[in-house]
Protein backbone atom coordinates (compact mmCIF):
# COMPACT_ATOMS: atom_id res chain seq x y z
CA MET A 1 -33.45 -14.26 -20.73
CA LYS A 2 -34.28 -11.95 -17.40
CA LEU A 3 -30.02 -11.90 -16.64
CA VAL A 4 -29.84 -10.46 -20.94
CA LYS A 5 -32.89 -7.71 -20.05
CA VAL A 6 -30.85 -6.75 -16.52
CA CYS A 7 -27.54 -6.31 -18.27
CA TYR A 8 -28.95 -4.35 -21.30
CA ASP A 9 -30.98 -2.15 -18.63
CA LEU A 10 -27.74 -1.61 -16.79
CA THR A 11 -25.87 -0.62 -19.54
CA CYS A 12 -28.20 1.53 -21.57
CA LEU A 13 -28.78 3.21 -18.08
CA GLY A 14 -25.37 3.26 -16.79
CA SER A 15 -23.93 4.67 -19.59
CA VAL A 16 -26.10 7.97 -19.95
CA ILE A 17 -25.75 8.42 -16.44
CA ILE A 18 -22.41 8.49 -16.65
CA ALA A 19 -22.02 10.29 -19.53
CA LYS A 20 -24.21 12.89 -18.06
CA ASN A 21 -23.17 12.82 -14.61
CA ALA A 22 -20.02 11.22 -13.89
CA ARG A 23 -17.49 14.18 -13.43
CA TYR A 24 -13.76 12.31 -13.00
CA ARG A 25 -11.37 15.22 -11.15
CA LEU A 26 -7.91 14.62 -10.51
CA SER A 27 -6.68 16.08 -7.35
CA GLU A 28 -3.50 14.64 -5.34
CA LYS A 29 -5.57 12.22 -3.29
CA GLY A 30 -6.53 10.93 -6.27
CA VAL A 31 -9.24 10.30 -8.47
CA ASP A 32 -12.46 11.91 -6.89
CA PHE A 33 -16.00 10.48 -8.40
CA ASP A 34 -19.33 12.32 -8.30
CA ILE A 35 -21.19 10.77 -5.56
CA TYR A 36 -24.85 11.48 -7.76
CA ALA A 37 -23.93 9.49 -10.70
CA LEU A 38 -22.75 6.22 -8.12
CA PHE A 39 -26.01 6.86 -5.99
CA LEU A 40 -27.72 7.12 -9.70
CA PHE A 41 -26.20 3.76 -10.93
CA LEU A 42 -27.02 1.88 -7.64
CA MET A 43 -30.46 2.75 -7.82
CA THR A 44 -30.74 1.74 -11.53
CA LEU A 45 -29.25 -1.31 -10.32
CA SER A 46 -31.78 -2.02 -7.36
CA TRP A 47 -34.76 -0.93 -9.68
CA SER A 48 -33.34 -3.72 -12.65
CA TYR A 49 -33.22 -6.48 -9.79
CA LEU A 50 -36.64 -5.66 -8.48
CA ARG A 51 -38.06 -5.45 -12.09
CA TYR A 52 -36.89 -8.59 -13.17
CA SER A 53 -36.80 -10.74 -10.27
CA ARG A 54 -40.96 -11.30 -10.17
């Protein structure tokens, strides 16, 4: 059940973060992504892991 809760949190929070902060831009080198959104996603992942690993 812990895994289900973690996946649920990541899905909800990840979707919100991507919707608000991820700005994909096409450039000559390819697709640039918002580092801030990636950072928040990783923080969310770490927070969820610590929350449910206890």
